């Protein structure tokens, strides 16, 4: 395992070359599954994908003063409260704004107000906020499978709000496909080429 930020892909001499600054690695097969970073990696190969970030916020209360035994959803306010080892994570807002804009702190603070309206005695003092990018596509389907005309290049990204949920099945499907154990029509709905 190598922990490195890959910023460029190239194919030459029947090998893939992955670059991280001055470092590089070679591989027969590469799977692009880098969330929002997948768009930029594929752009280095002149492949365009209409991947957009749905910016998701959460607020974490370190000593909430209330105990929840499970995730609680305030459906009327569209927020989710998740107990996290004595802390409470409050999430549920989304915005379109790309990956370059800074966090909109006011959006995160709305979560605190909604949670306090739903839970009596909730203590949000010492809270922290966070912004994450959910990689979403116009048809709400991920991009999974081989990239046409680029042998050995595979994709597995664009799961939107369901990245962790979809990861295991995406991994299994890609493993089967790479081993030649899938039919062509099984991956067709997820092909990158659907966006041409």
C-alpha atoms as a PDB file:
ATOM      1  CA  UNK A   1       0.000   0.000   0.000  1.00  0.00           C
ATOM      2  CA  UNK A   2       1.250   3.450  -0.915  1.00  0.00           C
ATOM      3  CA  UNK A   3      -0.474   6.551   0.411  1.00  0.00           C
ATOM      4  CA  UNK A   4       0.016   9.223  -2.254  1.00  0.00           C
ATOM      5  CA  UNK A   5      -2.021  11.795  -4.134  1.00  0.00           C
ATOM      6  CA  UNK A   6      -2.142  10.771  -7.786  1.00  0.00           C
ATOM      7  CA  UNK A   7      -2.469  13.800 -10.074  1.00  0.00           C
ATOM      8  CA  UNK A   8      -1.837  12.317 -13.518  1.00  0.00           C
ATOM      9  CA  UNK A   9      -2.407   9.104 -15.472  1.00  0.00           C
ATOM     10  CA  UNK A  10      -0.736   8.054 -18.718  1.00  0.00           C
ATOM     11  CA  UNK A  11      -0.633   4.902 -20.786  1.00  0.00           C
ATOM     12  CA  UNK A  12       2.476   3.868 -22.688  1.00  0.00           C
ATOM     13  CA  UNK A  13       4.116   0.560 -23.625  1.00  0.00           C
ATOM     14  CA  UNK A  14       0.961  -1.314 -22.552  1.00  0.00           C
ATOM     15  CA  UNK A  15       1.334  -0.037 -18.973  1.00  0.00           C
ATOM     16  CA  UNK A  16      -0.416   2.582 -16.905  1.00  0.00           C
ATOM     17  CA  UNK A  17       1.804   5.187 -15.281  1.00  0.00           C
ATOM     18  CA  UNK A  18       0.499   6.937 -12.172  1.00  0.00           C
ATOM     19  CA  UNK A  19       2.179  10.169 -11.105  1.00  0.00           C
ATOM     20  CA  UNK A  20       2.418  11.950  -7.792  1.00  0.00           C
ATOM     21  CA  UNK A  21       4.758  14.871  -8.334  1.00  0.00           C
ATOM     22  CA  UNK A  22       8.169  13.371  -9.096  1.00  0.00           C
ATOM     23  CA  UNK A  23       7.144   9.863  -7.999  1.00  0.00           C
ATOM     24  CA  UNK A  24       5.517   7.385 -10.359  1.00  0.00           C
ATOM     25  CA  UNK A  25       4.247   3.826 -10.387  1.00  0.00           C
ATOM     26  CA  UNK A  26       3.361   1.370 -13.163  1.00  0.00           C
ATOM     27  CA  UNK A  27       0.417  -0.987 -13.344  1.00  0.00           C
ATOM     28  CA  UNK A  28      -1.393  -3.217 -15.806  1.00  0.00           C
ATOM     29  CA  UNK A  29      -4.765  -2.152 -14.410  1.00  0.00           C
ATOM     30  CA  UNK A  30      -5.877   1.035 -12.655  1.00  0.00           C
ATOM     31  CA  UNK A  31      -9.226   1.653 -10.962  1.00  0.00           C
ATOM     32  CA  UNK A  32     -10.210   5.306 -10.658  1.00  0.00           C
ATOM     33  CA  UNK A  33     -12.288   5.541  -7.491  1.00  0.00           C
ATOM     34  CA  UNK A  34     -11.267   8.914  -6.120  1.00  0.00           C
ATOM     35  CA  UNK A  35     -14.617  10.540  -5.430  1.00  0.00           C
ATOM     36  CA  UNK A  36     -14.631  14.103  -6.733  1.00  0.00           C
ATOM     37  CA  UNK A  37     -10.966  13.692  -7.678  1.00  0.00           C
ATOM     38  CA  UNK A  38     -12.023  11.162 -10.316  1.00  0.00           C
ATOM     39  CA  UNK A  39     -13.157  13.983 -12.594  1.00  0.00           C
ATOM     40  CA  UNK A  40      -9.711  15.607 -12.604  1.00  0.00           C
ATOM     41  CA  UNK A  41      -7.866  12.309 -13.053  1.00  0.00           C
ATOM     42  CA  UNK A  42      -9.974  11.383 -16.071  1.00  0.00           C
ATOM     43  CA  UNK A  43      -9.488  14.878 -17.487  1.00  0.00           C
ATOM     44  CA  UNK A  44      -5.751  14.122 -17.754  1.00  0.00           C
ATOM     45  CA  UNK A  45      -6.831  11.475 -20.300  1.00  0.00           C
ATOM     46  CA  UNK A  46      -9.208  13.838 -22.140  1.00  0.00           C
ATOM     47  CA  UNK A  47     -12.219  12.047 -20.698  1.00  0.00           C
ATOM     48  CA  UNK A  48     -14.993  14.305 -19.513  1.00  0.00           C
ATOM     49  CA  UNK A  49     -17.484  13.337 -16.849  1.00  0.00           C
ATOM     50  CA  UNK A  50     -20.294  15.589 -15.527  1.00  0.00           C
ATOM     51  CA  UNK A  51     -19.430  14.881 -11.897  1.00  0.00           C
ATOM     52  CA  UNK A  52     -20.616  17.551  -9.482  1.00  0.00           C
ATOM     53  CA  UNK A  53     -20.145  17.931  -5.747  1.00  0.00           C
ATOM     54  CA  UNK A  54     -23.143  17.960  -3.477  1.00  0.00           C
ATOM     55  CA  UNK A  55     -21.497  19.688  -0.554  1.00  0.00           C
ATOM     56  CA  UNK A  56     -22.630  18.029   2.661  1.00  0.00           C
ATOM     57  CA  UNK A  57     -22.204  19.569   6.088  1.00  0.00           C
ATOM     58  CA  UNK A  58     -22.142  18.199   9.574  1.00  0.00           C
ATOM     59  CA  UNK A  59     -21.757  19.587  13.044  1.00  0.00           C
ATOM     60  CA  UNK A  60     -20.218  17.515  15.842  1.00  0.00           C
ATOM     61  CA  UNK A  61     -21.172  18.078  19.491  1.00  0.00           C
ATOM     62  CA  UNK A  62     -18.400  16.635  21.719  1.00  0.00           C
ATOM     63  CA  UNK A  63     -20.469  16.491  24.951  1.00  0.00           C
ATOM     64  CA  UNK A  64     -24.114  16.520  23.838  1.00  0.00           C
ATOM     65  CA  UNK A  65     -25.619  15.856  27.274  1.00  0.00           C
ATOM     66  CA  UNK A  66     -28.169  13.524  25.696  1.00  0.00           C
ATOM     67  CA  UNK A  67     -27.787   9.865  24.789  1.00  0.00           C
ATOM     68  CA  UNK A  68     -29.132   8.354  21.613  1.00  0.00           C
ATOM     69  CA  UNK A  69     -29.040   4.587  21.064  1.00  0.00           C
ATOM     70  CA  UNK A  70     -29.461   4.848  17.299  1.00  0.00           C
ATOM     71  CA  UNK A  71     -29.584   7.323  14.441  1.00  0.00           C
ATOM     72  CA  UNK A  72     -32.476   9.727  14.887  1.00  0.00           C
ATOM     73  CA  UNK A  73     -33.967  11.490  11.870  1.00  0.00           C
ATOM     74  CA  UNK A  74     -35.953  14.699  12.230  1.00  0.00           C
ATOM     75  CA  UNK A  75     -37.839  14.187   8.983  1.00  0.00           C
ATOM     76  CA  UNK A  76     -39.610  17.559   9.075  1.00  0.00           C
ATOM     77  CA  UNK A  77     -36.214  19.291   9.292  1.00  0.00           C
ATOM     78  CA  UNK A  78     -34.290  16.835   7.073  1.00  0.00           C
ATOM     79  CA  UNK A  79     -31.477  16.268   9.580  1.00  0.00           C
ATOM     80  CA  UNK A  80     -29.850  13.111  10.893  1.00  0.00           C
ATOM     81  CA  UNK A  81     -28.367  12.752  14.368  1.00  0.00           C
ATOM     82  CA  UNK A  82     -25.845   9.971  14.789  1.00  0.00           C
ATOM     83  CA  UNK A  83     -24.285   8.937  18.125  1.00  0.00           C
ATOM     84  CA  UNK A  84     -20.498   8.664  17.756  1.00  0.00           C
ATOM     85  CA  UNK A  85     -18.641   7.275  20.848  1.00  0.00           C
ATOM     86  CA  UNK A  86     -20.167   9.721  23.305  1.00  0.00           C
ATOM     87  CA  UNK A  87     -20.371  12.527  20.760  1.00  0.00           C
ATOM     88  CA  UNK A  88     -23.254  13.460  18.493  1.00  0.00           C
ATOM     89  CA  UNK A  89     -22.917  14.125  14.769  1.00  0.00           C
ATOM     90  CA  UNK A  90     -25.667  16.223  13.200  1.00  0.00           C
ATOM     91  CA  UNK A  91     -25.898  16.206   9.416  1.00  0.00           C
ATOM     92  CA  UNK A  92     -28.378  16.788   6.649  1.00  0.00           C
ATOM     93  CA  UNK A  93     -27.807  19.856   4.541  1.00  0.00           C
ATOM     94  CA  UNK A  94     -26.558  19.900   0.974  1.00  0.00           C
ATOM     95  CA  UNK A  95     -25.619  22.568  -1.525  1.00  0.00           C
ATOM     96  CA  UNK A  96     -24.195  22.813  -5.012  1.00  0.00           C
ATOM     97  CA  UNK A  97     -21.102  24.962  -5.110  1.00  0.00           C
ATOM     98  CA  UNK A  98     -18.219  22.944  -6.475  1.00  0.00           C
ATOM     99  CA  UNK A  99     -15.063  21.951  -4.697  1.00  0.00           C
ATOM    100  CA  UNK A 100     -13.233  25.276  -4.731  1.00  0.00           C
ATOM    101  CA  UNK A 101     -15.481  27.434  -2.573  1.00  0.00           C
ATOM    102  CA  UNK A 102     -14.854  27.607   1.180  1.00  0.00           C
ATOM    103  CA  UNK A 103     -17.286  26.203   3.703  1.00  0.00           C
ATOM    104  CA  UNK A 104     -20.448  28.199   4.293  1.00  0.00           C
ATOM    105  CA  UNK A 105     -20.344  28.202   8.096  1.00  0.00           C
ATOM    106  CA  UNK A 106     -23.934  29.445   8.322  1.00  0.00           C
ATOM    107  CA  UNK A 107     -25.198  26.260   6.667  1.00  0.00           C
ATOM    108  CA  UNK A 108     -23.454  24.175   9.315  1.00  0.00           C
ATOM    109  CA  UNK A 109     -24.815  26.362  12.111  1.00  0.00           C
ATOM    110  CA  UNK A 110     -28.366  25.755  10.888  1.00  0.00           C
ATOM    111  CA  UNK A 111     -27.863  22.119  11.847  1.00  0.00           C
ATOM    112  CA  UNK A 112     -27.259  23.147  15.462  1.00  0.00           C
ATOM    113  CA  UNK A 113     -30.484  25.172  15.560  1.00  0.00           C
ATOM    114  CA  UNK A 114     -32.524  22.312  14.081  1.00  0.00           C
ATOM    115  CA  UNK A 115     -31.062  19.720  16.454  1.00  0.00           C
ATOM    116  CA  UNK A 116     -31.686  21.909  19.497  1.00  0.00           C
ATOM    117  CA  UNK A 117     -35.296  22.341  18.394  1.00  0.00           C
ATOM    118  CA  UNK A 118     -35.674  18.568  18.194  1.00  0.00           C
ATOM    119  CA  UNK A 119     -33.792  17.461  21.327  1.00  0.00           C
ATOM    120  CA  UNK A 120     -34.388  19.019  24.733  1.00  0.00           C
ATOM    121  CA  UNK A 121     -31.220  19.753  26.739  1.00  0.00           C
ATOM    122  CA  UNK A 122     -28.863  19.213  23.802  1.00  0.00           C
ATOM    123  CA  UNK A 123     -25.488  20.774  24.576  1.00  0.00           C
ATOM    124  CA  UNK A 124     -23.656  21.885  21.435  1.00  0.00           C
ATOM    125  CA  UNK A 125     -20.898  23.831  23.169  1.00  0.00           C
ATOM    126  CA  UNK A 126     -17.433  23.160  21.761  1.00  0.00           C
ATOM    127  CA  UNK A 127     -18.900  21.982  18.469  1.00  0.00           C
ATOM    128  CA  UNK A 128     -16.876  21.497  15.304  1.00  0.00           C
ATOM    129  CA  UNK A 129     -18.082  21.726  11.721  1.00  0.00           C
ATOM    130  CA  UNK A 130     -17.097  19.827   8.602  1.00  0.00           C
ATOM    131  CA  UNK A 131     -17.783  19.918   4.876  1.00  0.00           C
ATOM    132  CA  UNK A 132     -17.519  16.926   2.567  1.00  0.00           C
ATOM    133  CA  UNK A 133     -17.997  16.490  -1.158  1.00  0.00           C
ATOM    134  CA  UNK A 134     -20.467  13.893  -2.389  1.00  0.00           C
ATOM    135  CA  UNK A 135     -19.632  12.978  -6.004  1.00  0.00           C
ATOM    136  CA  UNK A 136     -22.937  13.040  -7.897  1.00  0.00           C
ATOM    137  CA  UNK A 137     -23.889  12.469 -11.517  1.00  0.00           C
ATOM    138  CA  UNK A 138     -26.924  13.791 -13.429  1.00  0.00           C
ATOM    139  CA  UNK A 139     -28.630  10.394 -13.648  1.00  0.00           C
ATOM    140  CA  UNK A 140     -27.846   9.420 -10.018  1.00  0.00           C
ATOM    141  CA  UNK A 141     -26.005   6.263 -11.114  1.00  0.00           C
ATOM    142  CA  UNK A 142     -22.311   5.699 -10.399  1.00  0.00           C
ATOM    143  CA  UNK A 143     -19.684   5.144 -13.087  1.00  0.00           C
ATOM    144  CA  UNK A 144     -18.471   1.536 -12.808  1.00  0.00           C
ATOM    145  CA  UNK A 145     -16.512  -0.612 -15.226  1.00  0.00           C
ATOM    146  CA  UNK A 146     -13.927  -0.424 -17.994  1.00  0.00           C
ATOM    147  CA  UNK A 147     -13.220   2.808 -19.851  1.00  0.00           C
ATOM    148  CA  UNK A 148     -13.767   2.353 -23.582  1.00  0.00           C
ATOM    149  CA  UNK A 149     -10.611   2.556 -25.719  1.00  0.00           C
ATOM    150  CA  UNK A 150      -8.320   2.632 -22.669  1.00  0.00           C
ATOM    151  CA  UNK A 151      -7.379  -1.004 -21.868  1.00  0.00           C
ATOM    152  CA  UNK A 152      -6.759  -1.661 -18.207  1.00  0.00           C
ATOM    153  CA  UNK A 153      -8.507   1.484 -16.974  1.00  0.00           C
ATOM    154  CA  UNK A 154     -11.525   0.925 -14.737  1.00  0.00           C
ATOM    155  CA  UNK A 155     -13.862   3.201 -12.810  1.00  0.00           C
ATOM    156  CA  UNK A 156     -15.818   3.010  -9.575  1.00  0.00           C
ATOM    157  CA  UNK A 157     -17.044   6.446  -8.458  1.00  0.00           C
ATOM    158  CA  UNK A 158     -20.031   8.782  -8.351  1.00  0.00           C
ATOM    159  CA  UNK A 159     -22.130   7.112  -5.648  1.00  0.00           C
ATOM    160  CA  UNK A 160     -23.403  10.446  -4.314  1.00  0.00           C
ATOM    161  CA  UNK A 161     -24.701  10.104  -0.776  1.00  0.00           C
ATOM    162  CA  UNK A 162     -24.209   6.330  -0.808  1.00  0.00           C
ATOM    163  CA  UNK A 163     -20.453   5.932  -1.218  1.00  0.00           C
ATOM    164  CA  UNK A 164     -19.857   3.737   1.820  1.00  0.00           C
ATOM    165  CA  UNK A 165     -23.074   1.845   1.224  1.00  0.00           C
ATOM    166  CA  UNK A 166     -22.257   1.154  -2.422  1.00  0.00           C
ATOM    167  CA  UNK A 167     -18.545   0.515  -2.007  1.00  0.00           C
ATOM    168  CA  UNK A 168     -18.716  -3.188  -1.158  1.00  0.00           C
ATOM    169  CA  UNK A 169     -20.918  -4.096  -4.104  1.00  0.00           C
ATOM    170  CA  UNK A 170     -18.934  -1.859  -6.448  1.00  0.00           C
ATOM    171  CA  UNK A 171     -15.725  -3.578  -5.337  1.00  0.00           C
ATOM    172  CA  UNK A 172     -17.236  -7.007  -5.852  1.00  0.00           C
ATOM    173  CA  UNK A 173     -18.612  -6.088  -9.274  1.00  0.00           C
ATOM    174  CA  UNK A 174     -15.272  -4.640 -10.390  1.00  0.00           C
ATOM    175  CA  UNK A 175     -13.371  -7.697  -9.140  1.00  0.00           C
ATOM    176  CA  UNK A 176     -15.693  -9.981 -11.112  1.00  0.00           C
ATOM    177  CA  UNK A 177     -15.448  -7.769 -14.206  1.00  0.00           C
ATOM    178  CA  UNK A 178     -11.662  -7.616 -14.070  1.00  0.00           C
ATOM    179  CA  UNK A 179     -11.578 -11.412 -13.805  1.00  0.00           C
ATOM    180  CA  UNK A 180     -13.826 -11.682 -16.889  1.00  0.00           C
ATOM    181  CA  UNK A 181     -16.783 -13.003 -14.892  1.00  0.00           C
ATOM    182  CA  UNK A 182     -19.424 -10.445 -15.905  1.00  0.00           C
ATOM    183  CA  UNK A 183     -21.533 -10.088 -18.995  1.00  0.00           C
ATOM    184  CA  UNK A 184     -21.277  -6.946 -21.100  1.00  0.00           C
ATOM    185  CA  UNK A 185     -24.848  -5.835 -20.350  1.00  0.00           C
ATOM    186  CA  UNK A 186     -24.266  -6.033 -16.589  1.00  0.00           C
ATOM    187  CA  UNK A 187     -21.993  -2.962 -16.647  1.00  0.00           C
ATOM    188  CA  UNK A 188     -23.641  -1.059 -19.526  1.00  0.00           C
ATOM    189  CA  UNK A 189     -25.896   1.147 -17.341  1.00  0.00           C
ATOM    190  CA  UNK A 190     -22.819   2.350 -15.422  1.00  0.00           C
ATOM    191  CA  UNK A 191     -20.473   2.989 -18.356  1.00  0.00           C
ATOM    192  CA  UNK A 192     -18.616   6.291 -18.563  1.00  0.00           C
ATOM    193  CA  UNK A 193     -19.504   6.428 -22.263  1.00  0.00           C
ATOM    194  CA  UNK A 194     -23.167   7.124 -21.428  1.00  0.00           C
ATOM    195  CA  UNK A 195     -22.200  10.793 -21.005  1.00  0.00           C
ATOM    196  CA  UNK A 196     -20.790  11.298 -24.516  1.00  0.00           C
END
